[in-house]
Amino acid sequence: MCLGIPGRVIAITHADNRLALVEVLGVRREINIAFIVDETHPVDGCVGDWVLVHVGFAMGRIDEKEAQLTLDVLRQLGEAQNELDAMRNADVQPRSRSLH
């Protein structure tokens, strides 16, 4: 299964190589934007774009509303995972039940 995570292009780092700096949930990474560049949408026009990032590549552009909804779901999943981890790691002994 492949997961594309929404990120926003914040700067072009190397136009000739089609590399850009993208921010995903506060984390910044350099990625390849070659898949989203064409004659109607040049490299310099990508700053500010919301993109789906997968293994270092922008796989496609998405609108901001879709990006925010996806990021909200990912945050919720992360919170749920943290809760499950906390429960799993809790040092809780089951209570013995009395049959009286």
PDB file of N, CA and C in Angstrom:
ATOM      1  N   MET A   1       0.838  -1.175   0.000  1.00  0.00           N
ATOM      2  CA  MET A   1       0.000   0.000   0.000  1.00  0.00           C
ATOM      3  C   MET A   1       0.882   1.237   0.000  1.00  0.00           C
ATOM      4  N   CYS A   2       0.507   2.214  -0.788  1.00  0.00           N
ATOM      5  CA  CYS A   2       1.245   3.471  -0.867  1.00  0.00           C
ATOM      6  C   CYS A   2       0.448   4.553  -0.158  1.00  0.00           C
ATOM      7  N   LEU A   3       1.157   5.405   0.539  1.00  0.00           N
ATOM      8  CA  LEU A   3       0.517   6.499   1.243  1.00  0.00           C
ATOM      9  C   LEU A   3       1.142   7.804   0.796  1.00  0.00           C
ATOM     10  N   GLY A   4       0.323   8.685   0.273  1.00  0.00           N
ATOM     11  CA  GLY A   4       0.774  10.019  -0.077  1.00  0.00           C
ATOM     12  C   GLY A   4       0.370  10.960   1.031  1.00  0.00           C
ATOM     13  N   ILE A   5       1.310  11.730   1.532  1.00  0.00           N
ATOM     14  CA  ILE A   5       1.047  12.653   2.629  1.00  0.00           C
ATOM     15  C   ILE A   5       1.047  14.074   2.086  1.00  0.00           C
ATOM     16  N   PRO A   6       0.019  14.868   2.413  1.00  0.00           N
ATOM     17  CA  PRO A   6      -0.027  16.244   1.919  1.00  0.00           C
ATOM     18  C   PRO A   6       1.083  17.104   2.508  1.00  0.00           C
ATOM     19  N   GLY A   7       1.692  17.892   1.645  1.00  0.00           N
ATOM     20  CA  GLY A   7       2.694  18.859   2.059  1.00  0.00           C
ATOM     21  C   GLY A   7       2.589  20.088   1.185  1.00  0.00           C
ATOM     22  N   ARG A   8       3.160  21.168   1.666  1.00  0.00           N
ATOM     23  CA  ARG A   8       3.100  22.418   0.909  1.00  0.00           C
ATOM     24  C   ARG A   8       4.492  22.804   0.444  1.00  0.00           C
ATOM     25  N   VAL A   9       4.613  23.118  -0.836  1.00  0.00           N
ATOM     26  CA  VAL A   9       5.883  23.561  -1.399  1.00  0.00           C
ATOM     27  C   VAL A   9       6.155  24.958  -0.867  1.00  0.00           C
ATOM     28  N   ILE A  10       7.296  25.103  -0.178  1.00  0.00           N
ATOM     29  CA  ILE A  10       7.608  26.420   0.401  1.00  0.00           C
ATOM     30  C   ILE A  10       8.766  27.126  -0.297  1.00  0.00           C
ATOM     31  N   ALA A  11       9.565  26.372  -1.063  1.00  0.00           N
ATOM     32  CA  ALA A  11      10.668  27.009  -1.793  1.00  0.00           C
ATOM     33  C   ALA A  11      11.188  26.055  -2.858  1.00  0.00           C
ATOM     34  N   ILE A  12      11.726  26.636  -3.901  1.00  0.00           N
ATOM     35  CA  ILE A  12      12.436  25.862  -4.922  1.00  0.00           C
ATOM     36  C   ILE A  12      13.903  25.864  -4.510  1.00  0.00           C
ATOM     37  N   THR A  13      14.489  24.667  -4.367  1.00  0.00           N
ATOM     38  CA  THR A  13      15.881  24.583  -3.920  1.00  0.00           C
ATOM     39  C   THR A  13      16.852  24.409  -5.078  1.00  0.00           C
ATOM     40  N   HIS A  14      16.405  23.782  -6.163  1.00  0.00           N
ATOM     41  CA  HIS A  14      17.269  23.602  -7.333  1.00  0.00           C
ATOM     42  C   HIS A  14      16.359  23.440  -8.557  1.00  0.00           C
ATOM     43  N   ALA A  15      16.100  24.535  -9.234  1.00  0.00           N
ATOM     44  CA  ALA A  15      15.143  24.548 -10.350  1.00  0.00           C
ATOM     45  C   ALA A  15      15.539  23.585 -11.468  1.00  0.00           C
ATOM     46  N   ASP A  16      16.813  23.539 -11.831  1.00  0.00           N
ATOM     47  CA  ASP A  16      17.240  22.670 -12.933  1.00  0.00           C
ATOM     48  C   ASP A  16      16.994  21.191 -12.643  1.00  0.00           C
ATOM     49  N   ASN A  17      17.125  20.804 -11.377  1.00  0.00           N
ATOM     50  CA  ASN A  17      16.886  19.409 -10.984  1.00  0.00           C
ATOM     51  C   ASN A  17      15.468  19.173 -10.488  1.00  0.00           C
ATOM     52  N   ARG A  18      14.669  20.223 -10.536  1.00  0.00           N
ATOM     53  CA  ARG A  18      13.269  20.163 -10.098  1.00  0.00           C
ATOM     54  C   ARG A  18      13.143  19.671  -8.659  1.00  0.00           C
ATOM     55  N   LEU A  19      13.899  20.315  -7.789  1.00  0.00           N
ATOM     56  CA  LEU A  19      13.865  20.002  -6.360  1.00  0.00           C
ATOM     57  C   LEU A  19      13.260  21.165  -5.603  1.00  0.00           C
ATOM     58  N   ALA A  20      12.456  20.831  -4.601  1.00  0.00           N
ATOM     59  CA  ALA A  20      11.787  21.854  -3.811  1.00  0.00           C
ATOM     60  C   ALA A  20      11.764  21.446  -2.351  1.00  0.00           C
ATOM     61  N   LEU A  21      11.631  22.443  -1.482  1.00  0.00           N
ATOM     62  CA  LEU A  21      11.477  22.220  -0.062  1.00  0.00           C
ATOM     63  C   LEU A  21       9.986  22.172   0.230  1.00  0.00           C
ATOM     64  N   VAL A  22       9.570  21.084   0.873  1.00  0.00           N
ATOM     65  CA  VAL A  22       8.161  20.894   1.193  1.00  0.00           C
ATOM     66  C   VAL A  22       8.021  20.734   2.700  1.00  0.00           C
ATOM     67  N   GLU A  23       6.962  21.321   3.246  1.00  0.00           N
ATOM     68  CA  GLU A  23       6.681  21.190   4.674  1.00  0.00           C
ATOM     69  C   GLU A  23       5.478  20.275   4.869  1.00  0.00           C
ATOM     70  N   VAL A  24       5.684  19.264   5.710  1.00  0.00           N
ATOM     71  CA  VAL A  24       4.625  18.312   6.060  1.00  0.00           C
ATOM     72  C   VAL A  24       4.520  18.285   7.574  1.00  0.00           C
ATOM     73  N   LEU A  25       3.422  18.801   8.106  1.00  0.00           N
ATOM     74  CA  LEU A  25       3.192  18.815   9.555  1.00  0.00           C
ATOM     75  C   LEU A  25       4.387  19.378  10.323  1.00  0.00           C
ATOM     76  N   GLY A  26       4.965  20.465   9.820  1.00  0.00           N
ATOM     77  CA  GLY A  26       6.069  21.116  10.494  1.00  0.00           C
ATOM     78  C   GLY A  26       7.444  20.566  10.154  1.00  0.00           C
ATOM     79  N   VAL A  27       7.495  19.466   9.428  1.00  0.00           N
ATOM     80  CA  VAL A  27       8.769  18.866   9.021  1.00  0.00           C
ATOM     81  C   VAL A  27       9.066  19.278   7.591  1.00  0.00           C
ATOM     82  N   ARG A  28      10.282  19.720   7.359  1.00  0.00           N
ATOM     83  CA  ARG A  28      10.672  20.166   6.012  1.00  0.00           C
ATOM     84  C   ARG A  28      11.620  19.156   5.388  1.00  0.00           C
ATOM     85  N   ARG A  29      11.349  18.847   4.130  1.00  0.00           N
ATOM     86  CA  ARG A  29      12.161  17.894   3.370  1.00  0.00           C
ATOM     87  C   ARG A  29      12.302  18.395   1.939  1.00  0.00           C
ATOM     88  N   GLU A  30      13.429  18.066   1.348  1.00  0.00           N
ATOM     89  CA  GLU A  30      13.616  18.356  -0.070  1.00  0.00           C
ATOM     90  C   GLU A  30      13.043  17.183  -0.860  1.00  0.00           C
ATOM     91  N   ILE A  31      12.213  17.500  -1.845  1.00  0.00           N
ATOM     92  CA  ILE A  31      11.606  16.464  -2.675  1.00  0.00           C
ATOM     93  C   ILE A  31      11.721  16.834  -4.150  1.00  0.00           C
ATOM     94  N   ASN A  32      11.458  15.860  -4.981  1.00  0.00           N
ATOM     95  CA  ASN A  32      11.468  16.042  -6.423  1.00  0.00           C
ATOM     96  C   ASN A  32      10.055  16.421  -6.874  1.00  0.00           C
ATOM     97  N   ILE A  33       9.945  17.492  -7.657  1.00  0.00           N
ATOM     98  CA  ILE A  33       8.629  17.953  -8.121  1.00  0.00           C
ATOM     99  C   ILE A  33       8.431  17.749  -9.623  1.00  0.00           C
ATOM    100  N   ALA A  34       9.256  16.925 -10.232  1.00  0.00           N
ATOM    101  CA  ALA A  34       9.200  16.733 -11.685  1.00  0.00           C
ATOM    102  C   ALA A  34       7.826  16.263 -12.164  1.00  0.00           C
ATOM    103  N   PHE A  35       7.113  15.476 -11.371  1.00  0.00           N
ATOM    104  CA  PHE A  35       5.816  14.951 -11.798  1.00  0.00           C
ATOM    105  C   PHE A  35       4.723  16.013 -11.857  1.00  0.00           C
ATOM    106  N   ILE A  36       4.925  17.142 -11.180  1.00  0.00           N
ATOM    107  CA  ILE A  36       3.875  18.169 -11.173  1.00  0.00           C
ATOM    108  C   ILE A  36       4.226  19.378 -12.025  1.00  0.00           C
ATOM    109  N   VAL A  37       5.335  19.310 -12.735  1.00  0.00           N
ATOM    110  CA  VAL A  37       5.795  20.423 -13.580  1.00  0.00           C
ATOM    111  C   VAL A  37       5.486  20.113 -15.038  1.00  0.00           C
ATOM    112  N   ASP A  38       4.962  21.124 -15.739  1.00  0.00           N
ATOM    113  CA  ASP A  38       4.770  21.008 -17.188  1.00  0.00           C
ATOM    114  C   ASP A  38       4.781  22.412 -17.785  1.00  0.00           C
ATOM    115  N   GLU A  39       4.449  22.520 -19.052  1.00  0.00           N
ATOM    116  CA  GLU A  39       4.503  23.820 -19.728  1.00  0.00           C
ATOM    117  C   GLU A  39       3.542  24.828 -19.105  1.00  0.00           C
ATOM    118  N   THR A  40       2.411  24.372 -18.616  1.00  0.00           N
ATOM    119  CA  THR A  40       1.423  25.288 -18.037  1.00  0.00           C
ATOM    120  C   THR A  40       1.666  25.553 -16.555  1.00  0.00           C
ATOM    121  N   HIS A  41       2.511  24.750 -15.932  1.00  0.00           N
ATOM    122  CA  HIS A  41       2.805  24.910 -14.500  1.00  0.00           C
ATOM    123  C   HIS A  41       4.312  24.716 -14.290  1.00  0.00           C
ATOM    124  N   PRO A  42       5.107  25.787 -14.519  1.00  0.00           N
ATOM    125  CA  PRO A  42       6.566  25.674 -14.429  1.00  0.00           C
ATOM    126  C   PRO A  42       7.042  25.518 -12.980  1.00  0.00           C
ATOM    127  N   VAL A  43       8.318  25.206 -12.842  1.00  0.00           N
ATOM    128  CA  VAL A  43       8.922  24.977 -11.526  1.00  0.00           C
ATOM    129  C   VAL A  43       8.632  26.133 -10.572  1.00  0.00           C
ATOM    130  N   ASP A  44       8.888  27.353 -11.013  1.00  0.00           N
ATOM    131  CA  ASP A  44       8.681  28.511 -10.132  1.00  0.00           C
ATOM    132  C   ASP A  44       7.222  28.695  -9.727  1.00  0.00           C
ATOM    133  N   GLY A  45       6.306  28.147 -10.489  1.00  0.00           N
ATOM    134  CA  GLY A  45       4.887  28.246 -10.160  1.00  0.00           C
ATOM    135  C   GLY A  45       4.437  27.264  -9.103  1.00  0.00           C
ATOM    136  N   CYS A  46       5.327  26.408  -8.650  1.00  0.00           N
ATOM    137  CA  CYS A  46       4.966  25.382  -7.672  1.00  0.00           C
ATOM    138  C   CYS A  46       4.991  25.859  -6.222  1.00  0.00           C
ATOM    139  N   VAL A  47       5.672  26.974  -5.968  1.00  0.00           N
ATOM    140  CA  VAL A  47       5.721  27.490  -4.600  1.00  0.00           C
ATOM    141  C   VAL A  47       4.302  27.819  -4.148  1.00  0.00           C
ATOM    142  N   GLY A  48       3.927  27.273  -2.990  1.00  0.00           N
ATOM    143  CA  GLY A  48       2.583  27.469  -2.463  1.00  0.00           C
ATOM    144  C   GLY A  48       1.645  26.328  -2.786  1.00  0.00           C
ATOM    145  N   ASP A  49       2.021  25.461  -3.724  1.00  0.00           N
ATOM    146  CA  ASP A  49       1.175  24.316  -4.083  1.00  0.00           C
ATOM    147  C   ASP A  49       1.097  23.312  -2.942  1.00  0.00           C
ATOM    148  N   TRP A  50      -0.062  22.712  -2.791  1.00  0.00           N
ATOM    149  CA  TRP A  50      -0.230  21.543  -1.923  1.00  0.00           C
ATOM    150  C   TRP A  50      -0.043  20.330  -2.806  1.00  0.00           C
ATOM    151  N   VAL A  51       0.773  19.384  -2.333  1.00  0.00           N
ATOM    152  CA  VAL A  51       1.087  18.201  -3.120  1.00  0.00           C
ATOM    153  C   VAL A  51       0.981  16.954  -2.249  1.00  0.00           C
ATOM    154  N   LEU A  52       0.797  15.818  -2.903  1.00  0.00           N
ATOM    155  CA  LEU A  52       0.872  14.534  -2.214  1.00  0.00           C
ATOM    156  C   LEU A  52       2.300  14.030  -2.339  1.00  0.00           C
ATOM    157  N   VAL A  53       2.959  13.827  -1.210  1.00  0.00           N
ATOM    158  CA  VAL A  53       4.355  13.414  -1.177  1.00  0.00           C
ATOM    159  C   VAL A  53       4.442  11.921  -0.883  1.00  0.00           C
ATOM    160  N   HIS A  54       5.216  11.227  -1.707  1.00  0.00           N
ATOM    161  CA  HIS A  54       5.459   9.798  -1.500  1.00  0.00           C
ATOM    162  C   HIS A  54       6.905   9.503  -1.878  1.00  0.00           C
ATOM    163  N   VAL A  55       7.639   8.916  -0.974  1.00  0.00           N
ATOM    164  CA  VAL A  55       9.055   8.534  -1.135  1.00  0.00           C
ATOM    165  C   VAL A  55       9.892   9.605  -1.839  1.00  0.00           C
ATOM    166  N   GLY A  56       9.745  10.832  -1.393  1.00  0.00           N
ATOM    167  CA  GLY A  56      10.589  11.888  -1.914  1.00  0.00           C
ATOM    168  C   GLY A  56      10.145  12.546  -3.196  1.00  0.00           C
ATOM    169  N   PHE A  57       8.947  12.226  -3.640  1.00  0.00           N
ATOM    170  CA  PHE A  57       8.408  12.803  -4.871  1.00  0.00           C
ATOM    171  C   PHE A  57       7.039  13.419  -4.613  1.00  0.00           C
ATOM    172  N   ALA A  58       6.770  14.545  -5.273  1.00  0.00           N
ATOM    173  CA  ALA A  58       5.418  15.093  -5.307  1.00  0.00           C
ATOM    174  C   ALA A  58       4.685  14.335  -6.406  1.00  0.00           C
ATOM    175  N   MET A  59       3.702  13.547  -6.014  1.00  0.00           N
ATOM    176  CA  MET A  59       3.001  12.693  -6.976  1.00  0.00           C
ATOM    177  C   MET A  59       1.888  13.430  -7.713  1.00  0.00           C
ATOM    178  N   GLY A  60       1.380  14.494  -7.114  1.00  0.00           N
ATOM    179  CA  GLY A  60       0.327  15.267  -7.755  1.00  0.00           C
ATOM    180  C   GLY A  60      -0.048  16.456  -6.891  1.00  0.00           C
ATOM    181  N   ARG A  61      -0.701  17.431  -7.494  1.00  0.00           N
ATOM    182  CA  ARG A  61      -1.189  18.595  -6.760  1.00  0.00           C
ATOM    183  C   ARG A  61      -2.590  18.310  -6.234  1.00  0.00           C
ATOM    184  N   ILE A  62      -2.884  18.860  -5.056  1.00  0.00           N
ATOM    185  CA  ILE A  62      -4.224  18.757  -4.481  1.00  0.00           C
ATOM    186  C   ILE A  62      -4.619  20.135  -3.969  1.00  0.00           C
ATOM    187  N   ASP A  63      -5.911  20.328  -3.732  1.00  0.00           N
ATOM    188  CA  ASP A  63      -6.318  21.636  -3.220  1.00  0.00           C
ATOM    189  C   ASP A  63      -6.124  21.681  -1.696  1.00  0.00           C
ATOM    190  N   GLU A  64      -6.085  22.887  -1.162  1.00  0.00           N
ATOM    191  CA  GLU A  64      -5.785  23.089   0.254  1.00  0.00           C
ATOM    192  C   GLU A  64      -6.817  22.427   1.166  1.00  0.00           C
ATOM    193  N   LYS A  65      -8.083  22.482   0.791  1.00  0.00           N
ATOM    194  CA  LYS A  65      -9.122  21.883   1.625  1.00  0.00           C
ATOM    195  C   LYS A  65      -8.908  20.368   1.759  1.00  0.00           C
ATOM    196  N   GLU A  66      -8.637  19.709   0.647  1.00  0.00           N
ATOM    197  CA  GLU A  66      -8.378  18.265   0.671  1.00  0.00           C
ATOM    198  C   GLU A  66      -7.130  17.958   1.501  1.00  0.00           C
ATOM    199  N   ALA A  67      -6.102  18.792   1.358  1.00  0.00           N
ATOM    200  CA  ALA A  67      -4.868  18.600   2.124  1.00  0.00           C
ATOM    201  C   ALA A  67      -5.145  18.703   3.620  1.00  0.00           C
ATOM    202  N   GLN A  68      -5.894  19.726   4.027  1.00  0.00           N
ATOM    203  CA  GLN A  68      -6.184  19.917   5.450  1.00  0.00           C
ATOM    204  C   GLN A  68      -7.026  18.776   6.018  1.00  0.00           C
ATOM    205  N   LEU A  69      -8.014  18.313   5.252  1.00  0.00           N
ATOM    206  CA  LEU A  69      -8.831  17.184   5.712  1.00  0.00           C
ATOM    207  C   LEU A  69      -7.977  15.931   5.906  1.00  0.00           C
ATOM    208  N   THR A  70      -7.083  15.685   4.969  1.00  0.00           N
ATOM    209  CA  THR A  70      -6.207  14.516   5.065  1.00  0.00           C
ATOM    210  C   THR A  70      -5.262  14.646   6.247  1.00  0.00           C
ATOM    211  N   LEU A  71      -4.689  15.829   6.455  1.00  0.00           N
ATOM    212  CA  LEU A  71      -3.790  16.043   7.586  1.00  0.00           C
ATOM    213  C   LEU A  71      -4.522  15.875   8.912  1.00  0.00           C
ATOM    214  N   ASP A  72      -5.782  16.317   8.978  1.00  0.00           N
ATOM    215  CA  ASP A  72      -6.581  16.132  10.192  1.00  0.00           C
ATOM    216  C   ASP A  72      -6.775  14.651  10.500  1.00  0.00           C
ATOM    217  N   VAL A  73      -7.078  13.862   9.479  1.00  0.00           N
ATOM    218  CA  VAL A  73      -7.248  12.422   9.669  1.00  0.00           C
ATOM    219  C   VAL A  73      -5.932  11.790  10.127  1.00  0.00           C
ATOM    220  N   LEU A  74      -4.824  12.188   9.530  1.00  0.00           N
ATOM    221  CA  LEU A  74      -3.524  11.647   9.930  1.00  0.00           C
ATOM    222  C   LEU A  74      -3.192  12.007  11.375  1.00  0.00           C
ATOM    223  N   ARG A  75      -3.534  13.229  11.793  1.00  0.00           N
ATOM    224  CA  ARG A  75      -3.321  13.625  13.196  1.00  0.00           C
ATOM    225  C   ARG A  75      -4.161  12.753  14.122  1.00  0.00           C
ATOM    226  N   GLN A  76      -5.429  12.537  13.752  1.00  0.00           N
ATOM    227  CA  GLN A  76      -6.314  11.709  14.575  1.00  0.00           C
ATOM    228  C   GLN A  76      -5.795  10.276  14.672  1.00  0.00           C
ATOM    229  N   LEU A  77      -5.310   9.754  13.558  1.00  0.00           N
ATOM    230  CA  LEU A  77      -4.750   8.402  13.576  1.00  0.00           C
ATOM    231  C   LEU A  77      -3.519   8.343  14.476  1.00  0.00           C
ATOM    232  N   GLY A  78      -2.704   9.381  14.431  1.00  0.00           N
ATOM    233  CA  GLY A  78      -1.526   9.445  15.295  1.00  0.00           C
ATOM    234  C   GLY A  78      -1.904   9.494  16.760  1.00  0.00           C
ATOM    235  N   GLU A  79      -2.938  10.281  17.083  1.00  0.00           N
ATOM    236  CA  GLU A  79      -3.406  10.355  18.463  1.00  0.00           C
ATOM    237  C   GLU A  79      -3.962   9.015  18.916  1.00  0.00           C
ATOM    238  N   ALA A  80      -4.713   8.356  18.041  1.00  0.00           N
ATOM    239  CA  ALA A  80      -5.265   7.039  18.381  1.00  0.00           C
ATOM    240  C   ALA A  80      -4.133   6.036  18.591  1.00  0.00           C
ATOM    241  N   GLN A  81      -3.110   6.099  17.746  1.00  0.00           N
ATOM    242  CA  GLN A  81      -1.970   5.193  17.899  1.00  0.00           C
ATOM    243  C   GLN A  81      -1.246   5.453  19.211  1.00  0.00           C
ATOM    244  N   ASN A  82      -1.107   6.730  19.592  1.00  0.00           N
ATOM    245  CA  ASN A  82      -0.472   7.062  20.869  1.00  0.00           C
ATOM    246  C   ASN A  82      -1.266   6.485  22.041  1.00  0.00           C
ATOM    247  N   GLU A  83      -2.583   6.572  21.958  1.00  0.00           N
ATOM    248  CA  GLU A  83      -3.430   6.014  23.014  1.00  0.00           C
ATOM    249  C   GLU A  83      -3.275   4.500  23.095  1.00  0.00           C
ATOM    250  N   LEU A  84      -3.268   3.841  21.944  1.00  0.00           N
ATOM    251  CA  LEU A  84      -3.084   2.385  21.927  1.00  0.00           C
ATOM    252  C   LEU A  84      -1.720   2.002  22.489  1.00  0.00           C
ATOM    253  N   ASP A  85      -0.682   2.746  22.124  1.00  0.00           N
ATOM    254  CA  ASP A  85       0.656   2.476  22.649  1.00  0.00           C
ATOM    255  C   ASP A  85       0.695   2.656  24.164  1.00  0.00           C
ATOM    256  N   ALA A  86       0.048   3.720  24.648  1.00  0.00           N
ATOM    257  CA  ALA A  86       0.019   3.971  26.092  1.00  0.00           C
ATOM    258  C   ALA A  86      -0.693   2.838  26.820  1.00  0.00           C
ATOM    259  N   MET A  87      -1.797   2.367  26.253  1.00  0.00           N
ATOM    260  CA  MET A  87      -2.526   1.253  26.870  1.00  0.00           C
ATOM    261  C   MET A  87      -1.671  -0.009  26.852  1.00  0.00           C
ATOM    262  N   ARG A  88      -1.008  -0.239  25.732  1.00  0.00           N
ATOM    263  CA  ARG A  88      -0.184  -1.435  25.580  1.00  0.00           C
ATOM    264  C   ARG A  88       0.988  -1.419  26.552  1.00  0.00           C
ATOM    265  N   ASN A  89       1.538  -0.248  26.824  1.00  0.00           N
ATOM    266  CA  ASN A  89       2.712  -0.119  27.679  1.00  0.00           C
ATOM    267  C   ASN A  89       2.384   0.113  29.148  1.00  0.00           C
ATOM    268  N   ALA A  90       1.109   0.277  29.456  1.00  0.00           N
ATOM    269  CA  ALA A  90       0.712   0.533  30.842  1.00  0.00           C
ATOM    270  C   ALA A  90       0.994  -0.692  31.689  1.00  0.00           C
ATOM    271  N   ASP A  91       1.459  -0.448  32.893  1.00  0.00           N
ATOM    272  CA  ASP A  91       1.747  -1.536  33.830  1.00  0.00           C
ATOM    273  C   ASP A  91       0.533  -1.723  34.726  1.00  0.00           C
ATOM    274  N   VAL A  92      -0.531  -2.220  34.149  1.00  0.00           N
ATOM    275  CA  VAL A  92      -1.780  -2.403  34.879  1.00  0.00           C
ATOM    276  C   VAL A  92      -2.036  -3.888  35.045  1.00  0.00           C
ATOM    277  N   GLN A  93      -2.276  -4.277  36.298  1.00  0.00           N
ATOM    278  CA  GLN A  93      -2.592  -5.668  36.581  1.00  0.00           C
ATOM    279  C   GLN A  93      -4.105  -5.806  36.660  1.00  0.00           C
ATOM    280  N   PRO A  94      -4.668  -6.846  36.050  1.00  0.00           N
ATOM    281  CA  PRO A  94      -6.120  -7.015  36.134  1.00  0.00           C
ATOM    282  C   PRO A  94      -6.534  -7.307  37.568  1.00  0.00           C
ATOM    283  N   ARG A  95      -7.698  -6.779  37.927  1.00  0.00           N
ATOM    284  CA  ARG A  95      -8.244  -7.032  39.264  1.00  0.00           C
ATOM    285  C   ARG A  95      -8.801  -8.430  39.313  1.00  0.00           C
ATOM    286  N   SER A  96      -8.633  -9.080  40.449  1.00  0.00           N
ATOM    287  CA  SER A  96      -9.258 -10.389  40.613  1.00  0.00           C
ATOM    288  C   SER A  96     -10.727 -10.169  40.925  1.00  0.00           C
ATOM    289  N   ARG A  97     -11.549 -10.998  40.402  1.00  0.00           N
ATOM    290  CA  ARG A  97     -12.989 -10.861  40.607  1.00  0.00           C
ATOM    291  C   ARG A  97     -13.443 -11.828  41.684  1.00  0.00           C
ATOM    292  N   SER A  98     -14.273 -11.341  42.510  1.00  0.00           N
ATOM    293  CA  SER A  98     -14.854 -12.168  43.546  1.00  0.00           C
ATOM    294  C   SER A  98     -16.189 -12.702  43.044  1.00  0.00           C
ATOM    295  N   LEU A  99     -16.481 -13.924  43.374  1.00  0.00           N
ATOM    296  CA  LEU A  99     -17.747 -14.510  42.934  1.00  0.00           C
ATOM    297  C   LEU A  99     -18.832 -14.327  43.994  1.00  0.00           C
ATOM    298  N   HIS A 100     -18.583 -13.577  45.035  1.00  0.00           N
ATOM    299  CA  HIS A 100     -19.583 -13.404  46.097  1.00  0.00           C
ATOM    300  C   HIS A 100     -20.641 -12.455  45.682  1.00  0.00           C
TER     301      HIS A 100
END
